[in-house]
Protein backbone atom coordinates (compact mmCIF):
# COMPACT_ATOMS: atom_id res chain seq x y z
CA UNK A 1 2.58 -4.81 50.14
CA UNK A 2 3.32 -6.29 46.19
CA UNK A 3 7.04 -6.92 45.39
CA UNK A 4 6.05 -6.64 41.82
CA UNK A 5 8.24 -3.87 39.93
CA UNK A 6 5.92 -1.86 37.72
CA UNK A 7 6.98 -1.92 34.32
CA UNK A 8 5.44 0.60 31.30
CA UNK A 9 3.33 -1.74 29.22
CA UNK A 10 2.85 1.13 27.02
CA UNK A 11 6.02 0.04 25.09
CA UNK A 12 6.29 -3.29 24.54
CA UNK A 13 8.30 -3.03 21.44
CA UNK A 14 11.28 -1.12 22.78
CA UNK A 15 12.00 -3.23 25.96
CA UNK A 16 12.55 -5.86 23.30
CA UNK A 17 14.94 -3.96 21.13
CA UNK A 18 17.06 -1.81 23.89
CA UNK A 19 19.70 -5.28 24.67
CA UNK A 20 19.73 -5.73 20.59
CA UNK A 21 21.01 -1.97 20.07
CA UNK A 22 22.91 -1.82 23.22
CA UNK A 23 25.25 -4.89 21.97
CA UNK A 24 25.30 -3.74 18.30
CA UNK A 25 25.92 0.36 18.54
CA UNK A 26 25.87 0.58 22.40
CA UNK A 27 24.22 3.79 21.82
CA UNK A 28 21.06 5.57 20.39
CA UNK A 29 22.42 5.76 16.99
CA UNK A 30 21.83 2.11 16.45
CA UNK A 31 18.37 2.59 17.70
CA UNK A 32 17.62 5.43 15.33
CA UNK A 33 19.11 3.74 12.34
CA UNK A 34 17.48 0.18 13.12
CA UNK A 35 13.75 1.91 13.67
CA UNK A 36 14.77 3.66 9.97
CA UNK A 37 15.26 0.13 8.42
CA UNK A 38 11.86 -0.84 10.23
CA UNK A 39 10.30 2.01 8.49
CA UNK A 40 11.75 1.43 4.93
CA UNK A 41 11.20 -1.98 5.03
CA UNK A 42 7.33 -1.72 6.23
CA UNK A 43 7.24 1.32 3.45
CA UNK A 44 8.58 -1.33 0.95
CA UNK A 45 6.14 -4.22 2.01
CA UNK A 46 3.27 -1.72 1.61
CA UNK A 47 4.05 -0.65 -1.62
CA UNK A 48 4.13 -4.27 -2.64
CA UNK A 49 0.83 -4.53 -1.00
CA UNK A 50 -0.81 -1.20 -2.89
CA UNK A 51 0.40 -2.16 -6.09
CA UNK A 52 -1.72 -4.74 -7.53
CA UNK A 53 -4.66 -2.83 -5.51
CA UNK A 54 -3.84 0.22 -7.87
CA UNK A 55 -3.67 -1.67 -10.62
CA UNK A 56 -6.67 -3.24 -10.40
CA UNK A 57 -8.31 0.28 -9.95
CA UNK A 58 -6.72 1.40 -12.93
CA UNK A 59 -7.64 -1.64 -14.86
CA UNK A 60 -11.44 -0.89 -13.86
CA UNK A 61 -11.39 2.59 -14.48
CA UNK A 62 -9.65 1.89 -18.53
CA UNK A 63 -12.36 -0.88 -18.47
CA UNK A 64 -15.32 1.76 -17.89
CA UNK A 65 -14.12 4.56 -19.90
CA UNK A 66 -13.73 2.65 -23.20
CA UNK A 67 -16.86 0.84 -22.21
CA UNK A 68 -18.77 4.11 -22.59
CA UNK A 69 -17.07 4.62 -25.87
CA UNK A 70 -18.26 1.30 -27.31
CA UNK A 71 -21.48 1.20 -29.67
CA UNK A 72 -24.46 -0.64 -28.12
CA UNK A 73 -27.09 -2.49 -29.80
CA UNK A 74 -29.27 0.24 -31.03
CA UNK A 75 -26.30 2.20 -32.55
CA UNK A 76 -25.41 -1.91 -34.66
CA UNK A 77 -29.43 -1.45 -35.39
CA UNK A 78 -29.21 1.61 -37.03
CA UNK A 79 -26.92 1.21 -39.73
CA UNK A 80 -28.30 3.86 -42.76
CA UNK A 81 -25.92 4.99 -44.91
CA UNK A 82 -25.38 8.49 -44.09
CA UNK A 83 -22.11 9.12 -46.31
CA UNK A 84 -23.60 7.27 -49.29
CA UNK A 85 -23.92 9.19 -52.56
CA UNK A 86 -27.04 8.83 -53.96
């Protein structure tokens, strides 16, 4: 027989947080507020990570769009005066 207790290894995060949550609020509300704060912090971090990525994508699209509008070499070589008066 084994003397070890069988702990669930599925949620180690919850096992770490139940003591601080019980000490600070002694209830489920404190734990819910903790999780809410952790989720808000994660959302802010993700926003800071994705902001430069999205700016880079917009910058590349801007370059591609305006590069298509710039005249090419063949356009500059064919400089016939279409609007000149005879």
